[in-house]
Amino acid sequence: MAEAKKQKKTLVGSVLSGGKTAKTVIVSIERLSKHPFYGKYVKRRVKYMAHDEKSECAAGDKVMIVEARPMSRLKRWRVKEILEKAR
């Protein structure tokens, strides 16, 4: 029985900071979730540390990150591609 390869999770977010640590960027992922009681949509934000091999990301860039093996204590994501450069 040949097992199909699992699809890795991908997320799209914006880079909060880059360049302060070598080959690491902090990516902010925002999502809207409905409040359980009031029904209003609330912005939720999660920050991930992602591996940027070529150190080409800068603050404000829109990037796609993909799941990866643990690279350090907090890094479990890798920058797949830069979708939009900051102005």
N, C-alpha and C. Protein backbone atom coordinates (compact mmCIF):
# COMPACT_ATOMS: atom_id res chain seq x y z
N MET A 1 0.83 -1.19 0.00
CA MET A 1 0.00 0.00 0.00
C MET A 1 0.87 1.25 0.00
N ALA A 2 0.80 1.96 -1.09
CA ALA A 2 1.56 3.20 -1.20
C ALA A 2 0.76 4.32 -0.56
N GLU A 3 1.37 4.99 0.40
CA GLU A 3 0.69 6.08 1.08
C GLU A 3 0.91 7.39 0.35
N ALA A 4 -0.15 8.15 0.17
CA ALA A 4 -0.04 9.44 -0.50
C ALA A 4 0.68 10.43 0.42
N LYS A 5 1.48 11.32 -0.19
CA LYS A 5 2.18 12.34 0.59
C LYS A 5 1.18 13.33 1.16
N LYS A 6 1.37 13.68 2.42
CA LYS A 6 0.49 14.66 3.04
C LYS A 6 0.80 16.05 2.52
N GLN A 7 -0.26 16.83 2.30
CA GLN A 7 -0.08 18.23 1.90
C GLN A 7 0.34 19.02 3.13
N LYS A 8 1.36 19.85 3.00
CA LYS A 8 1.80 20.68 4.11
C LYS A 8 0.95 21.93 4.16
N LYS A 9 0.71 22.42 5.37
CA LYS A 9 -0.09 23.62 5.55
C LYS A 9 0.64 24.83 4.99
N THR A 10 -0.09 25.70 4.32
CA THR A 10 0.47 26.95 3.85
C THR A 10 -0.39 28.09 4.37
N LEU A 11 0.26 29.19 4.74
CA LEU A 11 -0.43 30.36 5.25
C LEU A 11 0.12 31.60 4.55
N VAL A 12 -0.72 32.61 4.42
CA VAL A 12 -0.29 33.87 3.80
C VAL A 12 -0.40 34.96 4.86
N GLY A 13 0.67 35.73 5.01
CA GLY A 13 0.68 36.80 6.00
C GLY A 13 1.70 37.86 5.65
N SER A 14 1.85 38.83 6.55
CA SER A 14 2.79 39.91 6.30
C SER A 14 3.94 39.83 7.28
N VAL A 15 5.11 40.24 6.81
CA VAL A 15 6.32 40.18 7.63
C VAL A 15 6.32 41.37 8.59
N LEU A 16 6.43 41.08 9.88
CA LEU A 16 6.50 42.15 10.89
C LEU A 16 7.91 42.65 11.05
N SER A 17 8.86 41.71 11.16
CA SER A 17 10.26 42.13 11.29
C SER A 17 11.14 41.12 10.60
N GLY A 18 12.18 41.63 9.98
CA GLY A 18 13.14 40.77 9.30
C GLY A 18 14.50 41.43 9.33
N GLY A 19 15.55 40.63 9.39
CA GLY A 19 16.89 41.17 9.38
C GLY A 19 17.51 41.31 10.75
N LYS A 20 16.71 41.25 11.80
CA LYS A 20 17.27 41.38 13.14
C LYS A 20 17.98 40.09 13.56
N THR A 21 17.41 38.97 13.15
CA THR A 21 18.04 37.67 13.40
C THR A 21 18.38 37.05 12.06
N ALA A 22 19.46 36.31 12.01
CA ALA A 22 19.94 35.74 10.75
C ALA A 22 18.96 34.70 10.22
N LYS A 23 18.53 34.87 8.98
CA LYS A 23 17.67 33.93 8.25
C LYS A 23 16.33 33.66 8.93
N THR A 24 15.85 34.60 9.73
CA THR A 24 14.57 34.43 10.40
C THR A 24 13.72 35.67 10.22
N VAL A 25 12.43 35.47 9.94
CA VAL A 25 11.47 36.56 9.87
C VAL A 25 10.28 36.22 10.75
N ILE A 26 9.61 37.25 11.25
CA ILE A 26 8.40 37.04 12.03
C ILE A 26 7.23 37.42 11.13
N VAL A 27 6.33 36.45 10.92
CA VAL A 27 5.20 36.62 10.01
C VAL A 27 3.91 36.68 10.82
N SER A 28 3.09 37.68 10.54
CA SER A 28 1.81 37.84 11.21
C SER A 28 0.69 37.33 10.31
N ILE A 29 -0.11 36.41 10.84
CA ILE A 29 -1.24 35.85 10.11
C ILE A 29 -2.51 36.38 10.76
N GLU A 30 -3.34 37.10 9.98
CA GLU A 30 -4.60 37.61 10.50
C GLU A 30 -5.76 36.83 9.92
N ARG A 31 -6.73 36.51 10.79
CA ARG A 31 -7.93 35.83 10.32
C ARG A 31 -9.12 36.44 11.03
N LEU A 32 -10.29 36.33 10.42
CA LEU A 32 -11.52 36.81 11.02
C LEU A 32 -12.26 35.63 11.62
N SER A 33 -12.70 35.78 12.87
CA SER A 33 -13.50 34.73 13.49
C SER A 33 -14.73 35.37 14.12
N LYS A 34 -15.80 34.64 14.09
CA LYS A 34 -17.06 35.15 14.61
C LYS A 34 -17.10 35.00 16.12
N HIS A 35 -17.49 36.07 16.82
CA HIS A 35 -17.60 36.02 18.27
C HIS A 35 -18.74 35.07 18.64
N PRO A 36 -18.50 34.15 19.58
CA PRO A 36 -19.52 33.13 19.89
C PRO A 36 -20.84 33.70 20.41
N PHE A 37 -20.81 34.79 21.14
CA PHE A 37 -22.05 35.33 21.71
C PHE A 37 -22.61 36.50 20.89
N TYR A 38 -21.74 37.47 20.59
CA TYR A 38 -22.22 38.69 19.93
C TYR A 38 -22.37 38.55 18.43
N GLY A 39 -21.71 37.58 17.83
CA GLY A 39 -21.84 37.37 16.39
C GLY A 39 -21.02 38.33 15.55
N LYS A 40 -20.31 39.25 16.20
CA LYS A 40 -19.48 40.20 15.48
C LYS A 40 -18.19 39.51 15.04
N TYR A 41 -17.67 39.89 13.87
CA TYR A 41 -16.42 39.32 13.40
C TYR A 41 -15.24 40.05 14.04
N VAL A 42 -14.32 39.29 14.61
CA VAL A 42 -13.19 39.84 15.35
C VAL A 42 -11.90 39.41 14.66
N LYS A 43 -10.95 40.34 14.54
CA LYS A 43 -9.65 40.01 13.95
C LYS A 43 -8.81 39.27 14.97
N ARG A 44 -8.28 38.14 14.58
CA ARG A 44 -7.36 37.38 15.42
C ARG A 44 -6.02 37.37 14.74
N ARG A 45 -4.93 37.52 15.51
CA ARG A 45 -3.61 37.57 14.92
C ARG A 45 -2.70 36.56 15.62
N VAL A 46 -1.94 35.82 14.79
CA VAL A 46 -0.97 34.86 15.30
C VAL A 46 0.36 35.19 14.65
N LYS A 47 1.44 35.13 15.44
CA LYS A 47 2.76 35.41 14.90
C LYS A 47 3.56 34.12 14.83
N TYR A 48 4.20 33.88 13.68
CA TYR A 48 5.04 32.71 13.48
C TYR A 48 6.45 33.16 13.11
N MET A 49 7.44 32.42 13.60
CA MET A 49 8.82 32.64 13.16
C MET A 49 9.06 31.70 11.99
N ALA A 50 9.56 32.25 10.89
CA ALA A 50 9.75 31.46 9.68
C ALA A 50 11.19 31.58 9.21
N HIS A 51 11.67 30.51 8.58
CA HIS A 51 13.04 30.46 8.07
C HIS A 51 13.09 31.10 6.69
N ASP A 52 13.97 32.09 6.53
CA ASP A 52 14.15 32.78 5.25
C ASP A 52 15.60 32.54 4.82
N GLU A 53 15.82 31.54 3.99
CA GLU A 53 17.17 31.07 3.65
C GLU A 53 18.05 32.17 3.06
N LYS A 54 17.49 32.98 2.13
CA LYS A 54 18.31 33.98 1.43
C LYS A 54 18.25 35.35 2.09
N SER A 55 17.51 35.47 3.18
CA SER A 55 17.35 36.75 3.90
C SER A 55 16.90 37.87 2.97
N GLU A 56 15.90 37.58 2.14
CA GLU A 56 15.43 38.58 1.18
C GLU A 56 14.11 39.24 1.59
N CYS A 57 13.51 38.80 2.67
CA CYS A 57 12.26 39.40 3.14
C CYS A 57 12.55 40.65 3.96
N ALA A 58 11.65 41.63 3.83
CA ALA A 58 11.75 42.86 4.62
C ALA A 58 10.40 43.11 5.27
N ALA A 59 10.38 43.99 6.25
CA ALA A 59 9.14 44.31 6.96
C ALA A 59 8.11 44.85 5.98
N GLY A 60 6.89 44.35 6.07
CA GLY A 60 5.81 44.79 5.20
C GLY A 60 5.56 43.91 4.00
N ASP A 61 6.47 42.98 3.69
CA ASP A 61 6.28 42.08 2.56
C ASP A 61 5.14 41.10 2.84
N LYS A 62 4.42 40.74 1.79
CA LYS A 62 3.38 39.71 1.90
C LYS A 62 4.01 38.40 1.45
N VAL A 63 4.01 37.39 2.33
CA VAL A 63 4.70 36.13 2.04
C VAL A 63 3.79 34.93 2.25
N MET A 64 4.17 33.83 1.62
CA MET A 64 3.52 32.55 1.85
C MET A 64 4.49 31.68 2.62
N ILE A 65 4.02 31.13 3.75
CA ILE A 65 4.88 30.25 4.55
C ILE A 65 4.30 28.85 4.53
N VAL A 66 5.19 27.86 4.67
CA VAL A 66 4.79 26.46 4.61
C VAL A 66 5.38 25.74 5.82
N GLU A 67 4.68 24.72 6.28
CA GLU A 67 5.14 23.91 7.41
C GLU A 67 6.50 23.30 7.11
N ALA A 68 7.33 23.18 8.13
CA ALA A 68 8.65 22.58 7.95
C ALA A 68 9.03 21.85 9.23
N ARG A 69 10.15 21.14 9.17
CA ARG A 69 10.64 20.45 10.37
C ARG A 69 11.10 21.51 11.37
N PRO A 70 11.16 21.19 12.65
CA PRO A 70 11.65 22.16 13.62
C PRO A 70 13.11 22.56 13.35
N MET A 71 13.34 23.86 13.19
CA MET A 71 14.69 24.35 12.92
C MET A 71 15.33 24.97 14.14
N SER A 72 14.53 25.40 15.08
CA SER A 72 15.03 25.91 16.36
C SER A 72 13.89 25.78 17.36
N ARG A 73 14.04 26.42 18.49
CA ARG A 73 13.02 26.28 19.54
C ARG A 73 11.66 26.81 19.09
N LEU A 74 11.63 27.87 18.30
CA LEU A 74 10.38 28.49 17.89
C LEU A 74 10.10 28.43 16.39
N LYS A 75 11.08 28.05 15.59
CA LYS A 75 10.90 28.06 14.12
C LYS A 75 10.42 26.71 13.62
N ARG A 76 9.17 26.70 13.08
CA ARG A 76 8.61 25.49 12.47
C ARG A 76 7.99 25.79 11.11
N TRP A 77 8.30 26.95 10.55
CA TRP A 77 7.77 27.36 9.25
C TRP A 77 8.91 27.83 8.37
N ARG A 78 8.68 27.81 7.05
CA ARG A 78 9.68 28.22 6.07
C ARG A 78 9.00 29.13 5.05
N VAL A 79 9.69 30.18 4.62
CA VAL A 79 9.13 31.09 3.62
C VAL A 79 9.17 30.39 2.27
N LYS A 80 7.99 30.20 1.67
CA LYS A 80 7.91 29.53 0.37
C LYS A 80 8.15 30.53 -0.75
N GLU A 81 7.45 31.67 -0.69
CA GLU A 81 7.64 32.69 -1.72
C GLU A 81 7.18 34.05 -1.21
N ILE A 82 7.72 35.09 -1.83
CA ILE A 82 7.31 36.45 -1.53
C ILE A 82 6.24 36.83 -2.56
N LEU A 83 5.04 37.10 -2.09
CA LEU A 83 3.94 37.40 -2.99
C LEU A 83 3.94 38.88 -3.41
N GLU A 84 4.32 39.76 -2.48
CA GLU A 84 4.28 41.19 -2.76
C GLU A 84 5.34 41.89 -1.92
N LYS A 85 6.17 42.71 -2.56
CA LYS A 85 7.20 43.44 -1.82
C LYS A 85 6.59 44.70 -1.23
N ALA A 86 7.12 45.14 -0.08
CA ALA A 86 6.66 46.37 0.56
C ALA A 86 7.17 47.57 -0.23
N ARG A 87 6.44 48.65 -0.13
CA ARG A 87 6.84 49.86 -0.86
C ARG A 87 7.88 50.62 -0.12
